[in-house]
All heavy atoms as atom14 arrays in JSON, in Angstrom:
{
  "sequence": "VEKVWKNGCQLIFFPNGTWKKIGSDGKTVTITFFN",
  "atom14_mask": [
    [1, 1, 1, 1, 1, 1, 1, 0, 0, 0, 0, 0, 0, 0],
    [1, 1, 1, 1, 1, 1, 1, 1, 1, 0, 0, 0, 0, 0],
    [1, 1, 1, 1, 1, 1, 1, 1, 1, 0, 0, 0, 0, 0],
    [1, 1, 1, 1, 1, 1, 1, 0, 0, 0, 0, 0, 0, 0],
    [1, 1, 1, 1, 1, 1, 1, 1, 1, 1, 1, 1, 1, 1],
    [1, 1, 1, 1, 1, 1, 1, 1, 1, 0, 0, 0, 0, 0],
    [1, 1, 1, 1, 1, 1, 1, 1, 0, 0, 0, 0, 0, 0],
    [1, 1, 1, 1, 0, 0, 0, 0, 0, 0, 0, 0, 0, 0],
    [1, 1, 1, 1, 1, 1, 0, 0, 0, 0, 0, 0, 0, 0],
    [1, 1, 1, 1, 1, 1, 1, 1, 1, 0, 0, 0, 0, 0],
    [1, 1, 1, 1, 1, 1, 1, 1, 0, 0, 0, 0, 0, 0],
    [1, 1, 1, 1, 1, 1, 1, 1, 0, 0, 0, 0, 0, 0],
    [1, 1, 1, 1, 1, 1, 1, 1, 1, 1, 1, 0, 0, 0],
    [1, 1, 1, 1, 1, 1, 1, 1, 1, 1, 1, 0, 0, 0],
    [1, 1, 1, 1, 1, 1, 1, 0, 0, 0, 0, 0, 0, 0],
    [1, 1, 1, 1, 1, 1, 1, 1, 0, 0, 0, 0, 0, 0],
    [1, 1, 1, 1, 0, 0, 0, 0, 0, 0, 0, 0, 0, 0],
    [1, 1, 1, 1, 1, 1, 1, 0, 0, 0, 0, 0, 0, 0],
    [1, 1, 1, 1, 1, 1, 1, 1, 1, 1, 1, 1, 1, 1],
    [1, 1, 1, 1, 1, 1, 1, 1, 1, 0, 0, 0, 0, 0],
    [1, 1, 1, 1, 1, 1, 1, 1, 1, 0, 0, 0, 0, 0],
    [1, 1, 1, 1, 1, 1, 1, 1, 0, 0, 0, 0, 0, 0],
    [1, 1, 1, 1, 0, 0, 0, 0, 0, 0, 0, 0, 0, 0],
    [1, 1, 1, 1, 1, 1, 0, 0, 0, 0, 0, 0, 0, 0],
    [1, 1, 1, 1, 1, 1, 1, 1, 0, 0, 0, 0, 0, 0],
    [1, 1, 1, 1, 0, 0, 0, 0, 0, 0, 0, 0, 0, 0],
    [1, 1, 1, 1, 1, 1, 1, 1, 1, 0, 0, 0, 0, 0],
    [1, 1, 1, 1, 1, 1, 1, 0, 0, 0, 0, 0, 0, 0],
    [1, 1, 1, 1, 1, 1, 1, 0, 0, 0, 0, 0, 0, 0],
    [1, 1, 1, 1, 1, 1, 1, 0, 0, 0, 0, 0, 0, 0],
    [1, 1, 1, 1, 1, 1, 1, 1, 0, 0, 0, 0, 0, 0],
    [1, 1, 1, 1, 1, 1, 1, 0, 0, 0, 0, 0, 0, 0],
    [1, 1, 1, 1, 1, 1, 1, 1, 1, 1, 1, 0, 0, 0],
    [1, 1, 1, 1, 1, 1, 1, 1, 1, 1, 1, 0, 0, 0],
    [1, 1, 1, 1, 1, 1, 1, 1, 0, 0, 0, 0, 0, 0]
  ],
  "atom14_positions": [
    [[-262.7, 257.6, 11.76], [-263.09, 258.86, 11.12], [-261.93, 259.84, 11.26], [-261.4, 260.04, 12.35], [-264.37, 259.46, 11.76], [-264.7, 260.81, 11.16], [-265.54, 258.49, 11.62], [0.0, 0.0, 0.0], [0.0, 0.0, 0.0], [0.0, 0.0, 0.0], [0.0, 0.0, 0.0], [0.0, 0.0, 0.0], [0.0, 0.0, 0.0], [0.0, 0.0, 0.0]],
    [[-261.56, 260.48, 10.14], [-260.46, 261.44, 10.15], [-260.99, 262.8, 9.72], [-261.69, 262.91, 8.71], [-259.36, 260.99, 9.19], [-258.16, 261.91, 9.17], [-257.06, 261.42, 8.23], [-257.24, 260.39, 7.56], [-256.03, 262.1, 8.15], [0.0, 0.0, 0.0], [0.0, 0.0, 0.0], [0.0, 0.0, 0.0], [0.0, 0.0, 0.0], [0.0, 0.0, 0.0]],
    [[-260.65, 263.82, 10.53], [-261.04, 265.18, 10.19], [-259.76, 266.01, 10.07], [-258.89, 265.94, 10.92], [-261.94, 265.8, 11.27], [-263.28, 265.1, 11.41], [-264.12, 265.76, 12.49], [-265.46, 265.02, 12.62], [-266.34, 265.67, 13.58], [0.0, 0.0, 0.0], [0.0, 0.0, 0.0], [0.0, 0.0, 0.0], [0.0, 0.0, 0.0], [0.0, 0.0, 0.0]],
    [[-259.69, 266.81, 9.0], [-258.53, 267.67, 8.77], [-259.03, 269.11, 8.65], [-259.94, 269.4, 7.89], [-257.77, 267.26, 7.49], [-256.58, 268.18, 7.25], [-257.32, 265.8, 7.57], [0.0, 0.0, 0.0], [0.0, 0.0, 0.0], [0.0, 0.0, 0.0], [0.0, 0.0, 0.0], [0.0, 0.0, 0.0], [0.0, 0.0, 0.0], [0.0, 0.0, 0.0]],
    [[-258.42, 270.01, 9.45], [-258.79, 271.42, 9.42], [-257.87, 272.18, 8.48], [-256.79, 271.7, 8.13], [-258.68, 272.01, 10.83], [-259.9, 271.73, 11.67], [-260.93, 272.56, 11.89], [-260.2, 270.53, 12.38], [-261.87, 271.96, 12.7], [-261.45, 270.71, 13.01], [-259.56, 269.3, 12.53], [-262.05, 269.73, 13.79], [-260.15, 268.33, 13.3], [-261.39, 268.55, 13.93]],
    [[-258.31, 273.36, 8.09], [-257.52, 274.19, 7.18], [-256.14, 274.53, 7.74], [-255.18, 274.67, 7.0], [-258.28, 275.48, 6.82], [-259.31, 275.3, 5.75], [-259.82, 276.64, 5.27], [-260.73, 276.43, 4.06], [-261.25, 277.7, 3.56], [0.0, 0.0, 0.0], [0.0, 0.0, 0.0], [0.0, 0.0, 0.0], [0.0, 0.0, 0.0], [0.0, 0.0, 0.0]],
    [[-256.03, 274.67, 9.07], [-254.74, 275.01, 9.68], [-253.78, 273.82, 9.73], [-252.66, 273.93, 10.21], [-254.93, 275.6, 11.08], [-255.43, 274.59, 12.1], [-255.66, 273.42, 11.8], [-255.62, 275.05, 13.33], [0.0, 0.0, 0.0], [0.0, 0.0, 0.0], [0.0, 0.0, 0.0], [0.0, 0.0, 0.0], [0.0, 0.0, 0.0], [0.0, 0.0, 0.0]],
    [[-254.23, 272.64, 9.28], [-253.38, 271.45, 9.25], [-253.6, 270.5, 10.4], [-253.08, 269.38, 10.4], [0.0, 0.0, 0.0], [0.0, 0.0, 0.0], [0.0, 0.0, 0.0], [0.0, 0.0, 0.0], [0.0, 0.0, 0.0], [0.0, 0.0, 0.0], [0.0, 0.0, 0.0], [0.0, 0.0, 0.0], [0.0, 0.0, 0.0], [0.0, 0.0, 0.0]],
    [[-254.34, 270.9, 11.39], [-254.64, 270.05, 12.55], [-255.5, 268.86, 12.09], [-256.38, 269.02, 11.24], [-255.38, 270.87, 13.6], [-255.72, 269.97, 15.12], [0.0, 0.0, 0.0], [0.0, 0.0, 0.0], [0.0, 0.0, 0.0], [0.0, 0.0, 0.0], [0.0, 0.0, 0.0], [0.0, 0.0, 0.0], [0.0, 0.0, 0.0], [0.0, 0.0, 0.0]],
    [[-255.2, 267.67, 12.65], [-255.96, 266.47, 12.29], [-256.51, 265.81, 13.54], [-255.84, 265.78, 14.57], [-255.07, 265.44, 11.6], [-254.45, 265.89, 10.3], [-253.51, 264.79, 9.79], [-253.9, 263.64, 9.68], [-252.28, 265.17, 9.49], [0.0, 0.0, 0.0], [0.0, 0.0, 0.0], [0.0, 0.0, 0.0], [0.0, 0.0, 0.0], [0.0, 0.0, 0.0]],
    [[-257.71, 265.29, 13.43], [-258.31, 264.48, 14.49], [-258.72, 263.16, 13.88], [-259.37, 263.12, 12.83], [-259.54, 265.16, 15.08], [-259.33, 266.11, 16.25], [-260.65, 266.74, 16.66], [-258.7, 265.42, 17.43], [0.0, 0.0, 0.0], [0.0, 0.0, 0.0], [0.0, 0.0, 0.0], [0.0, 0.0, 0.0], [0.0, 0.0, 0.0], [0.0, 0.0, 0.0]],
    [[-258.32, 262.07, 14.55], [-258.68, 260.73, 14.08], [-259.43, 260.04, 15.22], [-258.91, 259.94, 16.33], [-257.44, 259.92, 13.67], [-256.64, 260.68, 12.6], [-257.84, 258.54, 13.17], [-255.24, 260.15, 12.39], [0.0, 0.0, 0.0], [0.0, 0.0, 0.0], [0.0, 0.0, 0.0], [0.0, 0.0, 0.0], [0.0, 0.0, 0.0], [0.0, 0.0, 0.0]],
    [[-260.65, 259.62, 14.96], [-261.48, 258.94, 15.95], [-261.52, 257.46, 15.61], [-261.81, 257.09, 14.47], [-262.91, 259.52, 15.94], [-262.95, 260.97, 16.3], [-262.89, 261.95, 15.32], [-263.04, 261.37, 17.62], [-262.92, 263.3, 15.64], [-263.08, 262.71, 17.96], [-263.02, 263.69, 16.97], [0.0, 0.0, 0.0], [0.0, 0.0, 0.0], [0.0, 0.0, 0.0]],
    [[-261.24, 256.62, 16.59], [-261.24, 255.17, 16.39], [-262.51, 254.58, 16.98], [-263.09, 255.14, 17.93], [-260.01, 254.55, 17.04], [-258.71, 255.03, 16.43], [-258.06, 256.15, 16.93], [-258.16, 254.37, 15.34], [-256.88, 256.61, 16.38], [-256.98, 254.82, 14.77], [-256.33, 255.94, 15.29], [0.0, 0.0, 0.0], [0.0, 0.0, 0.0], [0.0, 0.0, 0.0]],
    [[-262.97, 253.46, 16.47], [-264.23, 252.86, 16.92], [-264.26, 252.51, 18.41], [-265.32, 252.51, 19.03], [-264.37, 251.59, 16.08], [-263.45, 251.77, 14.92], [-262.38, 252.72, 15.35], [0.0, 0.0, 0.0], [0.0, 0.0, 0.0], [0.0, 0.0, 0.0], [0.0, 0.0, 0.0], [0.0, 0.0, 0.0], [0.0, 0.0, 0.0], [0.0, 0.0, 0.0]],
    [[-263.11, 252.24, 19.01], [-263.09, 251.83, 20.42], [-263.16, 253.03, 21.39], [-263.11, 252.86, 22.6], [-261.86, 250.99, 20.73], [-260.56, 251.78, 20.66], [-260.53, 252.95, 20.29], [-259.47, 251.11, 20.99], [0.0, 0.0, 0.0], [0.0, 0.0, 0.0], [0.0, 0.0, 0.0], [0.0, 0.0, 0.0], [0.0, 0.0, 0.0], [0.0, 0.0, 0.0]],
    [[-263.24, 254.26, 20.85], [-263.33, 255.44, 21.69], [-262.02, 256.21, 21.83], [-261.98, 257.31, 22.36], [0.0, 0.0, 0.0], [0.0, 0.0, 0.0], [0.0, 0.0, 0.0], [0.0, 0.0, 0.0], [0.0, 0.0, 0.0], [0.0, 0.0, 0.0], [0.0, 0.0, 0.0], [0.0, 0.0, 0.0], [0.0, 0.0, 0.0], [0.0, 0.0, 0.0]],
    [[-260.95, 255.62, 21.34], [-259.66, 256.31, 21.36], [-259.65, 257.35, 20.25], [-260.24, 257.14, 19.2], [-258.51, 255.29, 21.12], [-258.49, 254.37, 22.22], [-257.16, 255.97, 21.0], [0.0, 0.0, 0.0], [0.0, 0.0, 0.0], [0.0, 0.0, 0.0], [0.0, 0.0, 0.0], [0.0, 0.0, 0.0], [0.0, 0.0, 0.0], [0.0, 0.0, 0.0]],
    [[-258.98, 258.5, 20.51], [-258.82, 259.48, 19.45], [-257.43, 260.07, 19.48], [-256.76, 260.1, 20.51], [-259.91, 260.54, 19.48], [-260.08, 261.29, 20.77], [-260.77, 260.89, 21.87], [-259.57, 262.59, 21.08], [-260.72, 261.85, 22.83], [-259.99, 262.9, 22.38], [-258.8, 263.51, 20.37], [-259.65, 264.1, 23.01], [-258.48, 264.71, 21.0], [-258.9, 264.99, 22.3]],
    [[-256.99, 260.51, 18.31], [-255.63, 261.02, 18.14], [-255.71, 262.4, 17.5], [-256.42, 262.59, 16.52], [-254.86, 260.06, 17.23], [-253.44, 260.46, 16.91], [-252.8, 259.38, 16.03], [-251.36, 259.61, 15.76], [-250.77, 258.52, 14.96], [0.0, 0.0, 0.0], [0.0, 0.0, 0.0], [0.0, 0.0, 0.0], [0.0, 0.0, 0.0], [0.0, 0.0, 0.0]],
    [[-254.98, 263.35, 18.12], [-254.94, 264.71, 17.57], [-253.51, 265.0, 17.14], [-252.57, 264.84, 17.93], [-255.39, 265.73, 18.62], [-255.32, 267.16, 18.13], [-255.72, 268.13, 19.23], [-255.59, 269.57, 18.73], [-255.89, 270.52, 19.8], [0.0, 0.0, 0.0], [0.0, 0.0, 0.0], [0.0, 0.0, 0.0], [0.0, 0.0, 0.0], [0.0, 0.0, 0.0]],
    [[-253.35, 265.42, 15.91], [-252.04, 265.82, 15.39], [-252.11, 267.34, 15.19], [-252.97, 267.83, 14.45], [-251.7, 265.1, 14.08], [-251.73, 263.59, 14.29], [-250.35, 265.56, 13.54], [-251.67, 262.76, 13.02], [0.0, 0.0, 0.0], [0.0, 0.0, 0.0], [0.0, 0.0, 0.0], [0.0, 0.0, 0.0], [0.0, 0.0, 0.0], [0.0, 0.0, 0.0]],
    [[-251.23, 268.05, 15.89], [-251.25, 269.51, 15.83], [-250.92, 270.03, 14.45], [-250.39, 269.31, 13.6], [0.0, 0.0, 0.0], [0.0, 0.0, 0.0], [0.0, 0.0, 0.0], [0.0, 0.0, 0.0], [0.0, 0.0, 0.0], [0.0, 0.0, 0.0], [0.0, 0.0, 0.0], [0.0, 0.0, 0.0], [0.0, 0.0, 0.0], [0.0, 0.0, 0.0]],
    [[-251.2, 271.3, 14.23], [-250.95, 271.92, 12.92], [-249.47, 271.92, 12.57], [-249.12, 272.0, 11.4], [-251.52, 273.34, 12.9], [-250.96, 274.09, 13.95], [0.0, 0.0, 0.0], [0.0, 0.0, 0.0], [0.0, 0.0, 0.0], [0.0, 0.0, 0.0], [0.0, 0.0, 0.0], [0.0, 0.0, 0.0], [0.0, 0.0, 0.0], [0.0, 0.0, 0.0]],
    [[-248.59, 271.77, 13.58], [-247.15, 271.68, 13.29], [-246.75, 270.31, 12.77], [-245.63, 270.1, 12.32], [-246.32, 272.03, 14.53], [-246.56, 271.09, 15.7], [-247.32, 270.1, 15.56], [-245.98, 271.34, 16.78], [0.0, 0.0, 0.0], [0.0, 0.0, 0.0], [0.0, 0.0, 0.0], [0.0, 0.0, 0.0], [0.0, 0.0, 0.0], [0.0, 0.0, 0.0]],
    [[-247.67, 269.34, 12.87], [-247.4, 267.99, 12.4], [-246.53, 267.19, 13.35], [-246.25, 266.02, 13.11], [0.0, 0.0, 0.0], [0.0, 0.0, 0.0], [0.0, 0.0, 0.0], [0.0, 0.0, 0.0], [0.0, 0.0, 0.0], [0.0, 0.0, 0.0], [0.0, 0.0, 0.0], [0.0, 0.0, 0.0], [0.0, 0.0, 0.0], [0.0, 0.0, 0.0]],
    [[-246.06, 267.8, 14.44], [-245.14, 267.14, 15.36], [-245.72, 266.93, 16.76], [-245.25, 266.09, 17.5], [-243.86, 267.97, 15.49], [-243.08, 268.08, 14.2], [-241.85, 268.94, 14.38], [-241.09, 269.05, 13.07], [-239.93, 269.93, 13.2], [0.0, 0.0, 0.0], [0.0, 0.0, 0.0], [0.0, 0.0, 0.0], [0.0, 0.0, 0.0], [0.0, 0.0, 0.0]],
    [[-246.72, 267.71, 17.12], [-247.35, 267.56, 18.43], [-248.51, 266.59, 18.28], [-249.44, 266.84, 17.51], [-247.85, 268.91, 18.96], [-246.76, 269.82, 19.0], [-248.45, 268.77, 20.35], [0.0, 0.0, 0.0], [0.0, 0.0, 0.0], [0.0, 0.0, 0.0], [0.0, 0.0, 0.0], [0.0, 0.0, 0.0], [0.0, 0.0, 0.0], [0.0, 0.0, 0.0]],
    [[-248.42, 265.46, 19.01], [-249.43, 264.41, 18.89], [-249.99, 264.1, 20.27], [-249.24, 263.92, 21.22], [-248.83, 263.12, 18.27], [-249.87, 262.02, 18.19], [-248.23, 263.41, 16.91], [0.0, 0.0, 0.0], [0.0, 0.0, 0.0], [0.0, 0.0, 0.0], [0.0, 0.0, 0.0], [0.0, 0.0, 0.0], [0.0, 0.0, 0.0], [0.0, 0.0, 0.0]],
    [[-251.3, 264.06, 20.37], [-251.97, 263.69, 21.62], [-252.91, 262.54, 21.32], [-253.74, 262.64, 20.42], [-252.77, 264.88, 22.21], [-251.88, 265.98, 22.4], [-253.4, 264.51, 23.54], [0.0, 0.0, 0.0], [0.0, 0.0, 0.0], [0.0, 0.0, 0.0], [0.0, 0.0, 0.0], [0.0, 0.0, 0.0], [0.0, 0.0, 0.0], [0.0, 0.0, 0.0]],
    [[-252.76, 261.46, 22.08], [-253.65, 260.31, 21.92], [-254.41, 260.15, 23.23], [-253.81, 260.01, 24.3], [-252.86, 259.02, 21.61], [-252.01, 259.21, 20.35], [-253.81, 257.83, 21.46], [-250.97, 258.12, 20.13], [0.0, 0.0, 0.0], [0.0, 0.0, 0.0], [0.0, 0.0, 0.0], [0.0, 0.0, 0.0], [0.0, 0.0, 0.0], [0.0, 0.0, 0.0]],
    [[-255.73, 260.18, 23.15], [-256.58, 259.97, 24.32], [-257.22, 258.6, 24.17], [-257.99, 258.38, 23.23], [-257.64, 261.08, 24.43], [-256.98, 262.35, 24.48], [-258.48, 260.91, 25.68], [0.0, 0.0, 0.0], [0.0, 0.0, 0.0], [0.0, 0.0, 0.0], [0.0, 0.0, 0.0], [0.0, 0.0, 0.0], [0.0, 0.0, 0.0], [0.0, 0.0, 0.0]],
    [[-256.85, 257.69, 25.07], [-257.31, 256.31, 24.98], [-258.69, 256.15, 25.6], [-259.11, 256.95, 26.43], [-256.31, 255.37, 25.65], [-254.97, 255.36, 24.96], [-253.95, 256.2, 25.39], [-254.73, 254.52, 23.88], [-252.71, 256.19, 24.76], [-253.5, 254.52, 23.24], [-252.48, 255.36, 23.68], [0.0, 0.0, 0.0], [0.0, 0.0, 0.0], [0.0, 0.0, 0.0]],
    [[-259.37, 255.09, 25.22], [-260.73, 254.82, 25.68], [-260.81, 254.67, 27.19], [-261.84, 254.92, 27.79], [-261.3, 253.56, 25.0], [-260.54, 252.3, 25.32], [-260.9, 251.51, 26.39], [-259.44, 251.92, 24.56], [-260.19, 250.36, 26.7], [-258.73, 250.77, 24.85], [-259.11, 250.0, 25.93], [0.0, 0.0, 0.0], [0.0, 0.0, 0.0], [0.0, 0.0, 0.0]],
    [[-259.69, 254.29, 27.85], [-259.69, 254.09, 29.3], [-259.35, 255.37, 30.08], [-259.23, 255.36, 31.3], [-258.73, 252.98, 29.7], [-257.28, 253.3, 29.37], [-256.98, 254.35, 28.8], [-256.39, 252.4, 29.74], [0.0, 0.0, 0.0], [0.0, 0.0, 0.0], [0.0, 0.0, 0.0], [0.0, 0.0, 0.0], [0.0, 0.0, 0.0], [0.0, 0.0, 0.0]]
  ]
}
């Protein structure tokens, strides 16, 4: 599942529980793994 906010921030949720956040600058990326 991918969610995009008006400010450009993106959140991507993966089925295994991992999720990825891409900041509004498009360069700051945080990945939180299922473990």
